[in-house]
């Protein structure tokens, strides 16, 4: 069985969640900041929200809200970047 070199402990999940919320960050920016893949950031945030031992439930709710906000804005941001890309090619 393949073992990942990225282990996400409780303290690291807390750090990732705090950075994600307080910097109003995206998954990509958070992954770049910590030097880990995006999938691990997703997993850390999902685990943090669902962890029954999470002491800071307010932060867990903020994480859930920000994830939802970023998911709804994702298509808009993608459309804007595509528009900018092709408008530069025409000019």
Protein backbone atom coordinates (compact mmCIF):
# COMPACT_ATOMS: atom_id res chain seq x y z
CA UNK A 1 0.00 0.00 0.00
CA UNK A 2 1.23 3.48 -0.88
CA UNK A 3 1.95 5.71 2.09
CA UNK A 4 1.68 9.45 1.68
CA UNK A 5 4.54 11.66 2.78
CA UNK A 6 2.02 14.27 3.87
CA UNK A 7 0.50 13.46 7.24
CA UNK A 8 -2.06 15.89 8.50
CA UNK A 9 -2.24 15.92 12.26
CA UNK A 10 -4.72 17.80 14.39
CA UNK A 11 -2.42 20.80 14.94
CA UNK A 12 -1.62 21.09 11.23
CA UNK A 13 -5.32 20.93 10.34
CA UNK A 14 -5.91 23.75 12.84
CA UNK A 15 -3.14 25.84 11.24
CA UNK A 16 -4.49 25.24 7.74
CA UNK A 17 -8.04 26.12 8.81
CA UNK A 18 -6.90 29.30 10.58
CA UNK A 19 -4.83 30.44 7.61
CA UNK A 20 -7.66 29.65 5.19
CA UNK A 21 -10.21 31.67 7.15
CA UNK A 22 -8.18 34.59 8.49
CA UNK A 23 -6.40 35.26 5.19
CA UNK A 24 -9.69 34.77 3.29
CA UNK A 25 -7.68 32.48 1.08
CA UNK A 26 -8.40 29.97 -1.64
CA UNK A 27 -7.43 26.31 -1.70
CA UNK A 28 -4.61 27.01 -4.18
CA UNK A 29 -3.14 29.85 -2.15
CA UNK A 30 -3.36 27.83 1.05
CA UNK A 31 -1.67 24.85 -0.60
CA UNK A 32 1.12 27.07 -1.93
CA UNK A 33 1.60 28.68 1.48
CA UNK A 34 2.02 25.35 3.25
CA UNK A 35 3.80 23.61 0.36
CA UNK A 36 1.32 20.75 0.15
CA UNK A 37 -0.99 19.54 -2.66
CA UNK A 38 -4.50 20.97 -3.03
CA UNK A 39 -6.05 17.59 -2.32
CA UNK A 40 -4.45 17.58 1.12
CA UNK A 41 -5.80 21.05 1.86
CA UNK A 42 -9.28 19.83 0.87
CA UNK A 43 -8.87 16.80 3.09
CA UNK A 44 -7.55 18.85 6.01
CA UNK A 45 -10.46 21.29 5.81
CA UNK A 46 -13.02 18.51 5.47
CA UNK A 47 -11.49 16.62 8.39
CA UNK A 48 -11.40 19.80 10.47
CA UNK A 49 -15.08 20.51 9.84
CA UNK A 50 -16.12 16.94 10.64
CA UNK A 51 -13.75 16.25 13.54
CA UNK A 52 -15.80 15.69 16.65
CA UNK A 53 -12.83 16.78 18.79
CA UNK A 54 -12.69 20.23 17.18
CA UNK A 55 -12.71 22.69 20.03
CA UNK A 56 -13.22 25.79 17.93
CA UNK A 57 -16.64 25.17 16.41
CA UNK A 58 -16.92 28.81 15.32
CA UNK A 59 -13.83 28.39 13.14
CA UNK A 60 -15.25 25.17 11.73
CA UNK A 61 -18.42 27.05 10.70
CA UNK A 62 -16.33 29.81 9.12
CA UNK A 63 -14.34 27.21 7.18
CA UNK A 64 -17.57 25.67 5.89
CA UNK A 65 -18.92 29.08 4.85
CA UNK A 66 -15.70 30.07 3.07
CA UNK A 67 -15.47 26.75 1.24
CA UNK A 68 -19.06 27.19 0.05
CA UNK A 69 -18.37 30.79 -1.02
CA UNK A 70 -15.25 29.79 -2.95
CA UNK A 71 -17.07 26.94 -4.69
CA UNK A 72 -19.86 29.27 -5.87
CA UNK A 73 -17.34 31.89 -7.08
CA UNK A 74 -15.08 29.36 -8.81
CA UNK A 75 -16.91 29.37 -12.14
CA UNK A 76 -17.01 33.17 -12.22
CA UNK A 77 -13.28 33.44 -11.54
CA UNK A 78 -12.55 30.83 -14.19
CA UNK A 79 -14.64 32.68 -16.76
CA UNK A 80 -12.91 35.97 -16.00
CA UNK A 81 -9.44 34.46 -16.37
CA UNK A 82 -10.38 32.80 -19.66
CA UNK A 83 -11.77 36.09 -20.97
CA UNK A 84 -8.59 37.93 -19.96
CA UNK A 85 -6.41 35.26 -21.56
CA UNK A 86 -8.12 35.46 -24.95
CA UNK A 87 -8.44 39.24 -24.92
CA UNK A 88 -4.62 39.46 -24.55
CA UNK A 89 -4.17 37.15 -27.55
CA UNK A 90 -6.36 39.36 -29.78
CA UNK A 91 -4.49 42.54 -28.87
